[in-house]
Amino acid sequence: MTWFLGLGIAGIVLLVLSLVFDGVLEGAFGGTLDVLFDGLLSLPVVAGFLSMFGFSGAIVLGGTVLGASAATGVGIVTGVAAGWLAWKFSRALMRDQTDATPRQEDLVGTAGSVVTAIPADGYGEVLLRLAGHPVKLAARSAVPVARGAEIWVEASLSSTSVAVRPVER
């Protein structure tokens, strides 16, 4: 039973190490094994197999009257199942796509409000929503705009400033 517990603990240690060193086994052979195994030799998969093999083998050996061969068989079956689940889960995470990164041009046409009054010959500050997040930017306007007024972005001058016009209601 000590061997099984040792393998289970080694699997947990390997899983913790995979948080830091994931990709080591895949990169060890220059990616040549990717064609054959397609991620089956990743550290999380090996760690999942090893820990389930060890702990389920220890449970069968210590909790039943079955011998070491039965414990090994159960350990292999549960280890393969855990490794397969880790492989499927990691593939699902790798396919997860995020939204496109907002760009400077995405500001044109958005509405916002003035935080610091905008003089006709200088800059003020506006609060806009970009991709659902509040963004405070410097703003210029052809006409003076008072604090709290609603504005419309006409152009993006730089990554931190915009040209705006007041909304007429």
N, C-alpha and C. Protein backbone atom coordinates (compact mmCIF):
# COMPACT_ATOMS: atom_id res chain seq x y z
N MET A 1 0.83 -1.19 0.00
CA MET A 1 0.00 0.00 0.00
C MET A 1 0.87 1.25 0.00
N THR A 2 2.06 1.16 0.56
CA THR A 2 2.96 2.30 0.60
C THR A 2 3.34 2.76 -0.80
N TRP A 3 3.55 1.80 -1.71
CA TRP A 3 3.90 2.14 -3.08
C TRP A 3 2.76 2.90 -3.77
N PHE A 4 1.54 2.44 -3.54
CA PHE A 4 0.40 3.12 -4.15
C PHE A 4 0.25 4.54 -3.62
N LEU A 5 0.38 4.70 -2.29
CA LEU A 5 0.28 6.04 -1.72
C LEU A 5 1.40 6.94 -2.21
N GLY A 6 2.59 6.37 -2.35
CA GLY A 6 3.71 7.15 -2.89
C GLY A 6 3.47 7.61 -4.31
N LEU A 7 2.88 6.73 -5.13
CA LEU A 7 2.56 7.12 -6.50
C LEU A 7 1.47 8.19 -6.53
N GLY A 8 0.49 8.07 -5.64
CA GLY A 8 -0.57 9.08 -5.57
C GLY A 8 -0.02 10.44 -5.16
N ILE A 9 0.85 10.45 -4.17
CA ILE A 9 1.45 11.71 -3.73
C ILE A 9 2.37 12.27 -4.81
N ALA A 10 3.10 11.40 -5.51
CA ALA A 10 3.95 11.85 -6.61
C ALA A 10 3.10 12.48 -7.72
N GLY A 11 1.92 11.94 -7.96
CA GLY A 11 1.02 12.52 -8.96
C GLY A 11 0.55 13.90 -8.56
N ILE A 12 0.25 14.08 -7.27
CA ILE A 12 -0.17 15.40 -6.79
C ILE A 12 0.98 16.40 -6.91
N VAL A 13 2.19 15.98 -6.55
CA VAL A 13 3.36 16.86 -6.68
C VAL A 13 3.59 17.22 -8.15
N LEU A 14 3.43 16.24 -9.04
CA LEU A 14 3.59 16.49 -10.46
C LEU A 14 2.51 17.45 -10.98
N LEU A 15 1.31 17.33 -10.44
CA LEU A 15 0.24 18.25 -10.83
C LEU A 15 0.55 19.67 -10.40
N VAL A 16 1.10 19.84 -9.20
CA VAL A 16 1.50 21.17 -8.74
C VAL A 16 2.63 21.71 -9.62
N LEU A 17 3.58 20.86 -9.96
CA LEU A 17 4.67 21.29 -10.83
C LEU A 17 4.18 21.63 -12.24
N SER A 18 3.09 20.98 -12.67
CA SER A 18 2.58 21.27 -14.01
C SER A 18 2.02 22.68 -14.11
N LEU A 19 1.64 23.27 -12.99
CA LEU A 19 1.18 24.66 -13.03
C LEU A 19 2.29 25.60 -13.45
N VAL A 20 3.52 25.22 -13.13
CA VAL A 20 4.67 26.06 -13.47
C VAL A 20 5.35 25.59 -14.77
N PHE A 21 5.49 24.28 -14.92
CA PHE A 21 6.28 23.74 -16.02
C PHE A 21 5.45 23.04 -17.09
N ASP A 22 4.20 23.40 -17.29
CA ASP A 22 3.41 22.73 -18.30
C ASP A 22 3.98 23.00 -19.69
N GLY A 23 3.99 22.02 -20.50
CA GLY A 23 4.56 22.13 -21.83
C GLY A 23 5.95 21.56 -21.93
N VAL A 24 6.54 21.14 -20.80
CA VAL A 24 7.90 20.60 -20.82
C VAL A 24 7.94 19.29 -21.58
N LEU A 25 7.00 18.38 -21.29
CA LEU A 25 7.02 17.10 -21.99
C LEU A 25 6.70 17.26 -23.47
N GLU A 26 5.79 18.19 -23.79
CA GLU A 26 5.46 18.40 -25.18
C GLU A 26 6.65 18.98 -25.94
N GLY A 27 7.38 19.88 -25.31
CA GLY A 27 8.51 20.52 -25.96
C GLY A 27 9.80 19.74 -25.87
N ALA A 28 9.84 18.67 -25.07
CA ALA A 28 11.09 17.93 -24.87
C ALA A 28 11.57 17.29 -26.16
N PHE A 29 10.68 16.90 -27.02
CA PHE A 29 11.07 16.24 -28.27
C PHE A 29 10.83 17.12 -29.48
N GLY A 30 10.77 18.41 -29.28
CA GLY A 30 10.62 19.35 -30.38
C GLY A 30 9.26 19.29 -31.05
N GLY A 31 8.26 18.82 -30.35
CA GLY A 31 6.91 18.76 -30.91
C GLY A 31 6.65 17.58 -31.81
N THR A 32 7.61 16.64 -31.92
CA THR A 32 7.41 15.49 -32.81
C THR A 32 6.35 14.53 -32.28
N LEU A 33 6.15 14.51 -30.98
CA LEU A 33 5.15 13.59 -30.41
C LEU A 33 3.74 14.16 -30.46
N ASP A 34 3.60 15.44 -30.83
CA ASP A 34 2.27 16.04 -30.91
C ASP A 34 1.40 15.33 -31.94
N VAL A 35 2.01 14.87 -33.02
CA VAL A 35 1.26 14.18 -34.06
C VAL A 35 0.74 12.84 -33.54
N LEU A 36 1.57 12.15 -32.77
CA LEU A 36 1.17 10.83 -32.28
C LEU A 36 0.21 10.89 -31.11
N PHE A 37 0.48 11.74 -30.15
CA PHE A 37 -0.27 11.71 -28.90
C PHE A 37 -1.23 12.88 -28.73
N ASP A 38 -1.05 13.97 -29.43
CA ASP A 38 -1.95 15.12 -29.39
C ASP A 38 -2.27 15.58 -27.97
N GLY A 39 -1.25 15.81 -27.16
CA GLY A 39 -1.43 16.32 -25.80
C GLY A 39 -1.59 15.26 -24.74
N LEU A 40 -1.55 13.99 -25.10
CA LEU A 40 -1.72 12.92 -24.10
C LEU A 40 -0.51 12.79 -23.18
N LEU A 41 0.62 13.38 -23.54
CA LEU A 41 1.79 13.34 -22.67
C LEU A 41 2.01 14.65 -21.93
N SER A 42 0.96 15.44 -21.76
CA SER A 42 1.11 16.69 -21.02
C SER A 42 1.21 16.37 -19.53
N LEU A 43 1.81 17.27 -18.78
CA LEU A 43 1.98 17.03 -17.34
C LEU A 43 0.66 16.85 -16.59
N PRO A 44 -0.39 17.63 -16.87
CA PRO A 44 -1.65 17.38 -16.16
C PRO A 44 -2.24 16.00 -16.43
N VAL A 45 -2.10 15.49 -17.64
CA VAL A 45 -2.62 14.16 -17.96
C VAL A 45 -1.83 13.09 -17.24
N VAL A 46 -0.51 13.19 -17.28
CA VAL A 46 0.34 12.21 -16.57
C VAL A 46 0.10 12.29 -15.07
N ALA A 47 -0.03 13.50 -14.53
CA ALA A 47 -0.27 13.66 -13.09
C ALA A 47 -1.63 13.10 -12.69
N GLY A 48 -2.64 13.33 -13.51
CA GLY A 48 -3.97 12.79 -13.22
C GLY A 48 -3.95 11.27 -13.22
N PHE A 49 -3.30 10.69 -14.22
CA PHE A 49 -3.20 9.23 -14.26
C PHE A 49 -2.46 8.69 -13.05
N LEU A 50 -1.31 9.27 -12.76
CA LEU A 50 -0.47 8.77 -11.68
C LEU A 50 -1.14 8.88 -10.31
N SER A 51 -1.76 10.01 -10.04
CA SER A 51 -2.39 10.17 -8.72
C SER A 51 -3.61 9.27 -8.57
N MET A 52 -4.45 9.16 -9.61
CA MET A 52 -5.61 8.26 -9.49
C MET A 52 -5.19 6.80 -9.43
N PHE A 53 -4.16 6.45 -10.18
CA PHE A 53 -3.64 5.08 -10.11
C PHE A 53 -3.18 4.76 -8.69
N GLY A 54 -2.42 5.66 -8.10
CA GLY A 54 -1.88 5.41 -6.76
C GLY A 54 -2.95 5.41 -5.69
N PHE A 55 -3.80 6.43 -5.66
CA PHE A 55 -4.79 6.52 -4.58
C PHE A 55 -5.88 5.46 -4.70
N SER A 56 -6.37 5.18 -5.91
CA SER A 56 -7.40 4.14 -6.02
C SER A 56 -6.81 2.77 -5.76
N GLY A 57 -5.57 2.54 -6.16
CA GLY A 57 -4.91 1.28 -5.82
C GLY A 57 -4.75 1.10 -4.32
N ALA A 58 -4.39 2.19 -3.62
CA ALA A 58 -4.25 2.12 -2.16
C ALA A 58 -5.59 1.86 -1.49
N ILE A 59 -6.66 2.46 -2.01
CA ILE A 59 -7.99 2.24 -1.43
C ILE A 59 -8.42 0.79 -1.62
N VAL A 60 -8.21 0.24 -2.81
CA VAL A 60 -8.60 -1.15 -3.06
C VAL A 60 -7.75 -2.10 -2.22
N LEU A 61 -6.46 -1.85 -2.14
CA LEU A 61 -5.58 -2.73 -1.38
C LEU A 61 -5.84 -2.66 0.11
N GLY A 62 -6.10 -1.48 0.63
CA GLY A 62 -6.31 -1.32 2.07
C GLY A 62 -7.73 -1.56 2.52
N GLY A 63 -8.70 -1.39 1.62
CA GLY A 63 -10.11 -1.49 2.02
C GLY A 63 -10.79 -2.79 1.65
N THR A 64 -10.14 -3.64 0.91
CA THR A 64 -10.75 -4.91 0.51
C THR A 64 -9.78 -6.05 0.79
N VAL A 65 -10.25 -7.23 0.53
CA VAL A 65 -9.39 -8.41 0.70
C VAL A 65 -8.72 -8.80 -0.61
N LEU A 66 -8.94 -8.01 -1.64
CA LEU A 66 -8.32 -8.28 -2.93
C LEU A 66 -6.82 -8.02 -2.84
N GLY A 67 -6.07 -8.62 -3.70
CA GLY A 67 -4.61 -8.49 -3.65
C GLY A 67 -4.08 -7.32 -4.45
N ALA A 68 -2.77 -7.35 -4.61
CA ALA A 68 -2.07 -6.27 -5.29
C ALA A 68 -2.40 -6.23 -6.78
N SER A 69 -2.64 -7.37 -7.40
CA SER A 69 -2.96 -7.38 -8.83
C SER A 69 -4.32 -6.75 -9.10
N ALA A 70 -5.30 -6.98 -8.26
CA ALA A 70 -6.61 -6.34 -8.40
C ALA A 70 -6.49 -4.84 -8.16
N ALA A 71 -5.70 -4.45 -7.17
CA ALA A 71 -5.50 -3.04 -6.90
C ALA A 71 -4.81 -2.36 -8.07
N THR A 72 -3.86 -3.05 -8.69
CA THR A 72 -3.18 -2.50 -9.86
C THR A 72 -4.15 -2.35 -11.03
N GLY A 73 -4.99 -3.35 -11.24
CA GLY A 73 -5.97 -3.28 -12.32
C GLY A 73 -6.95 -2.13 -12.13
N VAL A 74 -7.49 -2.00 -10.91
CA VAL A 74 -8.40 -0.89 -10.62
C VAL A 74 -7.68 0.44 -10.77
N GLY A 75 -6.44 0.49 -10.32
CA GLY A 75 -5.65 1.71 -10.44
C GLY A 75 -5.43 2.11 -11.88
N ILE A 76 -5.16 1.15 -12.74
CA ILE A 76 -4.95 1.45 -14.16
C ILE A 76 -6.24 1.98 -14.79
N VAL A 77 -7.37 1.34 -14.49
CA VAL A 77 -8.64 1.78 -15.06
C VAL A 77 -8.99 3.19 -14.61
N THR A 78 -8.89 3.46 -13.31
CA THR A 78 -9.23 4.80 -12.82
C THR A 78 -8.20 5.83 -13.25
N GLY A 79 -6.95 5.42 -13.35
CA GLY A 79 -5.91 6.33 -13.82
C GLY A 79 -6.12 6.74 -15.27
N VAL A 80 -6.48 5.78 -16.11
CA VAL A 80 -6.76 6.09 -17.51
C VAL A 80 -7.97 7.02 -17.62
N ALA A 81 -8.98 6.77 -16.80
CA ALA A 81 -10.17 7.63 -16.81
C ALA A 81 -9.81 9.06 -16.39
N ALA A 82 -9.02 9.20 -15.33
CA ALA A 82 -8.62 10.54 -14.86
C ALA A 82 -7.73 11.24 -15.89
N GLY A 83 -6.81 10.50 -16.51
CA GLY A 83 -5.96 11.09 -17.55
C GLY A 83 -6.77 11.53 -18.75
N TRP A 84 -7.77 10.72 -19.15
CA TRP A 84 -8.61 11.07 -20.28
C TRP A 84 -9.42 12.32 -19.97
N LEU A 85 -9.97 12.42 -18.74
CA LEU A 85 -10.73 13.61 -18.36
C LEU A 85 -9.84 14.86 -18.34
N ALA A 86 -8.63 14.72 -17.84
CA ALA A 86 -7.69 15.86 -17.83
C ALA A 86 -7.36 16.29 -19.26
N TRP A 87 -7.19 15.32 -20.15
CA TRP A 87 -6.88 15.62 -21.55
C TRP A 87 -8.05 16.34 -22.21
N LYS A 88 -9.28 15.84 -22.01
CA LYS A 88 -10.46 16.46 -22.61
C LYS A 88 -10.68 17.88 -22.05
N PHE A 89 -10.49 18.03 -20.75
CA PHE A 89 -10.68 19.33 -20.13
C PHE A 89 -9.65 20.34 -20.63
N SER A 90 -8.39 19.92 -20.75
CA SER A 90 -7.36 20.85 -21.23
C SER A 90 -7.58 21.20 -22.70
N ARG A 91 -8.07 20.27 -23.51
CA ARG A 91 -8.38 20.58 -24.91
C ARG A 91 -9.54 21.56 -25.00
N ALA A 92 -10.54 21.40 -24.14
CA ALA A 92 -11.67 22.33 -24.13
C ALA A 92 -11.21 23.73 -23.74
N LEU A 93 -10.31 23.82 -22.77
CA LEU A 93 -9.79 25.12 -22.37
C LEU A 93 -8.95 25.77 -23.46
N MET A 94 -8.22 24.97 -24.21
CA MET A 94 -7.38 25.51 -25.28
C MET A 94 -8.22 26.02 -26.44
N ARG A 95 -9.42 25.48 -26.64
CA ARG A 95 -10.29 25.94 -27.72
C ARG A 95 -11.10 27.16 -27.33
N ASP A 96 -11.08 27.53 -26.06
CA ASP A 96 -11.86 28.66 -25.59
C ASP A 96 -11.33 29.95 -26.22
N GLN A 97 -12.20 30.69 -26.89
CA GLN A 97 -11.81 31.92 -27.56
C GLN A 97 -12.37 33.12 -26.80
N THR A 98 -11.62 34.19 -26.79
CA THR A 98 -12.07 35.42 -26.14
C THR A 98 -12.49 36.42 -27.19
N ASP A 99 -13.12 37.47 -26.75
CA ASP A 99 -13.52 38.54 -27.66
C ASP A 99 -12.28 39.27 -28.16
N ALA A 100 -12.45 39.96 -29.26
CA ALA A 100 -11.35 40.74 -29.82
C ALA A 100 -10.99 41.88 -28.86
N THR A 101 -9.73 42.20 -28.81
CA THR A 101 -9.25 43.29 -27.97
C THR A 101 -9.77 44.61 -28.51
N PRO A 102 -10.35 45.45 -27.64
CA PRO A 102 -10.84 46.75 -28.12
C PRO A 102 -9.69 47.59 -28.67
N ARG A 103 -9.99 48.31 -29.74
CA ARG A 103 -8.99 49.17 -30.38
C ARG A 103 -9.39 50.63 -30.21
N GLN A 104 -8.49 51.48 -30.56
CA GLN A 104 -8.70 52.92 -30.46
C GLN A 104 -9.87 53.36 -31.33
N GLU A 105 -10.03 52.76 -32.50
CA GLU A 105 -11.10 53.13 -33.42
C GLU A 105 -12.48 52.74 -32.89
N ASP A 106 -12.54 51.81 -31.96
CA ASP A 106 -13.83 51.37 -31.41
C ASP A 106 -14.49 52.46 -30.56
N LEU A 107 -13.75 53.48 -30.19
CA LEU A 107 -14.32 54.56 -29.40
C LEU A 107 -15.22 55.47 -30.21
N VAL A 108 -14.99 55.56 -31.52
CA VAL A 108 -15.77 56.47 -32.37
C VAL A 108 -17.22 55.99 -32.39
N GLY A 109 -18.11 56.93 -32.07
CA GLY A 109 -19.53 56.62 -32.06
C GLY A 109 -20.09 56.25 -30.70
N THR A 110 -19.24 56.20 -29.68
CA THR A 110 -19.74 55.87 -28.34
C THR A 110 -20.18 57.14 -27.62
N ALA A 111 -21.12 56.95 -26.73
CA ALA A 111 -21.62 58.08 -25.93
C ALA A 111 -20.96 58.03 -24.56
N GLY A 112 -20.91 59.17 -23.91
CA GLY A 112 -20.33 59.25 -22.58
C GLY A 112 -20.74 60.54 -21.91
N SER A 113 -20.06 60.84 -20.82
CA SER A 113 -20.36 62.08 -20.10
C SER A 113 -19.06 62.79 -19.74
N VAL A 114 -19.17 64.10 -19.58
CA VAL A 114 -18.00 64.92 -19.28
C VAL A 114 -17.72 64.86 -17.78
N VAL A 115 -16.47 64.55 -17.43
CA VAL A 115 -16.05 64.49 -16.03
C VAL A 115 -15.43 65.82 -15.61
N THR A 116 -14.57 66.36 -16.47
CA THR A 116 -13.95 67.66 -16.26
C THR A 116 -14.34 68.53 -17.46
N ALA A 117 -14.84 69.73 -17.20
CA ALA A 117 -15.33 70.61 -18.26
C ALA A 117 -14.31 70.76 -19.38
N ILE A 118 -14.81 70.81 -20.62
CA ILE A 118 -13.94 70.91 -21.79
C ILE A 118 -14.00 72.35 -22.31
N PRO A 119 -12.89 73.10 -22.24
CA PRO A 119 -12.87 74.45 -22.81
C PRO A 119 -12.75 74.37 -24.34
N ALA A 120 -13.06 75.45 -25.00
CA ALA A 120 -13.00 75.47 -26.47
C ALA A 120 -11.58 75.34 -27.00
N ASP A 121 -10.58 75.75 -26.22
CA ASP A 121 -9.20 75.74 -26.71
C ASP A 121 -8.31 74.74 -25.98
N GLY A 122 -8.88 73.82 -25.23
CA GLY A 122 -8.04 72.89 -24.47
C GLY A 122 -8.70 71.54 -24.29
N TYR A 123 -8.19 70.86 -23.33
CA TYR A 123 -8.65 69.50 -23.06
C TYR A 123 -9.46 69.44 -21.76
N GLY A 124 -10.42 68.54 -21.73
CA GLY A 124 -11.14 68.17 -20.53
C GLY A 124 -11.11 66.65 -20.42
N GLU A 125 -11.97 66.08 -19.59
CA GLU A 125 -12.00 64.63 -19.44
C GLU A 125 -13.42 64.12 -19.62
N VAL A 126 -13.51 62.94 -20.25
CA VAL A 126 -14.81 62.30 -20.45
C VAL A 126 -14.75 60.87 -19.94
N LEU A 127 -15.89 60.36 -19.56
CA LEU A 127 -16.01 58.97 -19.12
C LEU A 127 -16.82 58.22 -20.16
N LEU A 128 -16.20 57.18 -20.75
CA LEU A 128 -16.83 56.37 -21.79
C LEU A 128 -16.89 54.92 -21.33
N ARG A 129 -17.65 54.13 -22.04
CA ARG A 129 -17.68 52.68 -21.81
C ARG A 129 -17.11 52.01 -23.05
N LEU A 130 -16.04 51.27 -22.86
CA LEU A 130 -15.40 50.54 -23.94
C LEU A 130 -15.40 49.06 -23.58
N ALA A 131 -16.09 48.26 -24.34
CA ALA A 131 -16.22 46.82 -24.10
C ALA A 131 -16.78 46.55 -22.70
N GLY A 132 -17.68 47.41 -22.26
CA GLY A 132 -18.33 47.22 -20.97
C GLY A 132 -17.57 47.77 -19.78
N HIS A 133 -16.40 48.34 -20.02
CA HIS A 133 -15.58 48.87 -18.93
C HIS A 133 -15.54 50.40 -19.01
N PRO A 134 -15.60 51.07 -17.86
CA PRO A 134 -15.49 52.53 -17.89
C PRO A 134 -14.05 52.96 -18.22
N VAL A 135 -13.94 53.93 -19.10
CA VAL A 135 -12.64 54.44 -19.52
C VAL A 135 -12.69 55.96 -19.44
N LYS A 136 -11.72 56.54 -18.76
CA LYS A 136 -11.64 58.00 -18.66
C LYS A 136 -10.53 58.48 -19.58
N LEU A 137 -10.90 59.39 -20.51
CA LEU A 137 -9.95 59.87 -21.51
C LEU A 137 -9.95 61.39 -21.56
N ALA A 138 -8.86 61.93 -22.07
CA ALA A 138 -8.80 63.37 -22.35
C ALA A 138 -9.66 63.63 -23.57
N ALA A 139 -10.29 64.81 -23.61
CA ALA A 139 -11.20 65.11 -24.72
C ALA A 139 -11.08 66.56 -25.16
N ARG A 140 -11.22 66.77 -26.46
CA ARG A 140 -11.26 68.11 -27.08
C ARG A 140 -12.62 68.27 -27.72
N SER A 141 -13.05 69.52 -27.80
CA SER A 141 -14.30 69.83 -28.46
C SER A 141 -14.18 71.18 -29.14
N ALA A 142 -14.92 71.36 -30.23
CA ALA A 142 -14.90 72.64 -30.95
C ALA A 142 -15.62 73.72 -30.16
N VAL A 143 -16.54 73.30 -29.30
CA VAL A 143 -17.30 74.25 -28.46
C VAL A 143 -17.09 73.86 -27.00
N PRO A 144 -17.20 74.79 -26.07
CA PRO A 144 -17.05 74.44 -24.66
C PRO A 144 -18.19 73.50 -24.23
N VAL A 145 -17.83 72.51 -23.39
CA VAL A 145 -18.82 71.56 -22.90
C VAL A 145 -18.72 71.52 -21.38
N ALA A 146 -19.86 71.69 -20.71
CA ALA A 146 -19.89 71.74 -19.24
C ALA A 146 -19.77 70.34 -18.65
N ARG A 147 -19.36 70.33 -17.39
CA ARG A 147 -19.25 69.08 -16.63
C ARG A 147 -20.62 68.44 -16.51
N GLY A 148 -20.69 67.11 -16.72
CA GLY A 148 -21.94 66.37 -16.61
C GLY A 148 -22.72 66.27 -17.90
N ALA A 149 -22.31 66.99 -18.92
CA ALA A 149 -23.03 66.96 -20.20
C ALA A 149 -22.80 65.64 -20.91
N GLU A 150 -23.79 65.23 -21.68
CA GLU A 150 -23.65 64.01 -22.47
C GLU A 150 -22.93 64.36 -23.77
N ILE A 151 -22.00 63.49 -24.17
CA ILE A 151 -21.20 63.76 -25.37
C ILE A 151 -21.24 62.55 -26.30
N TRP A 152 -20.76 62.80 -27.52
CA TRP A 152 -20.65 61.77 -28.55
C TRP A 152 -19.24 61.84 -29.10
N VAL A 153 -18.55 60.70 -29.20
CA VAL A 153 -17.17 60.69 -29.70
C VAL A 153 -17.19 60.77 -31.22
N GLU A 154 -16.51 61.79 -31.76
CA GLU A 154 -16.42 61.98 -33.21
C GLU A 154 -15.18 61.34 -33.81
N ALA A 155 -14.06 61.40 -33.07
CA ALA A 155 -12.80 60.87 -33.59
C ALA A 155 -11.90 60.46 -32.43
N SER A 156 -11.01 59.56 -32.72
CA SER A 156 -10.00 59.15 -31.74
C SER A 156 -8.70 59.84 -32.12
N LEU A 157 -8.24 60.76 -31.27
CA LEU A 157 -7.03 61.53 -31.57
C LEU A 157 -5.76 60.75 -31.26
N SER A 158 -5.77 60.02 -30.17
CA SER A 158 -4.64 59.19 -29.78
C SER A 158 -5.19 58.07 -28.90
N SER A 159 -4.30 57.30 -28.30
CA SER A 159 -4.77 56.21 -27.44
C SER A 159 -5.37 56.72 -26.13
N THR A 160 -5.12 57.99 -25.82
CA THR A 160 -5.64 58.54 -24.56
C THR A 160 -6.51 59.77 -24.73
N SER A 161 -6.81 60.16 -25.97
CA SER A 161 -7.63 61.35 -26.16
C SER A 161 -8.59 61.17 -27.34
N VAL A 162 -9.72 61.87 -27.25
CA VAL A 162 -10.76 61.80 -28.27
C VAL A 162 -11.29 63.19 -28.58
N ALA A 163 -11.90 63.32 -29.76
CA ALA A 163 -12.61 64.55 -30.12
C ALA A 163 -14.09 64.26 -29.94
N VAL A 164 -14.80 65.16 -29.24
CA VAL A 164 -16.19 64.91 -28.92
C VAL A 164 -17.05 66.10 -29.34
N ARG A 165 -18.36 65.88 -29.36
CA ARG A 165 -19.33 66.94 -29.56
C ARG A 165 -20.45 66.70 -28.56
N PRO A 166 -21.05 67.78 -28.08
CA PRO A 166 -22.16 67.60 -27.13
C PRO A 166 -23.39 67.04 -27.84
N VAL A 167 -24.16 66.25 -27.10
CA VAL A 167 -25.39 65.67 -27.65
C VAL A 167 -26.49 66.72 -27.55
N GLU A 168 -27.16 66.97 -28.67
CA GLU A 168 -28.26 67.93 -28.71
C GLU A 168 -29.56 67.19 -28.47
N ARG A 169 -30.33 67.61 -27.51
CA ARG A 169 -31.62 66.96 -27.24
C ARG A 169 -32.74 67.91 -27.48
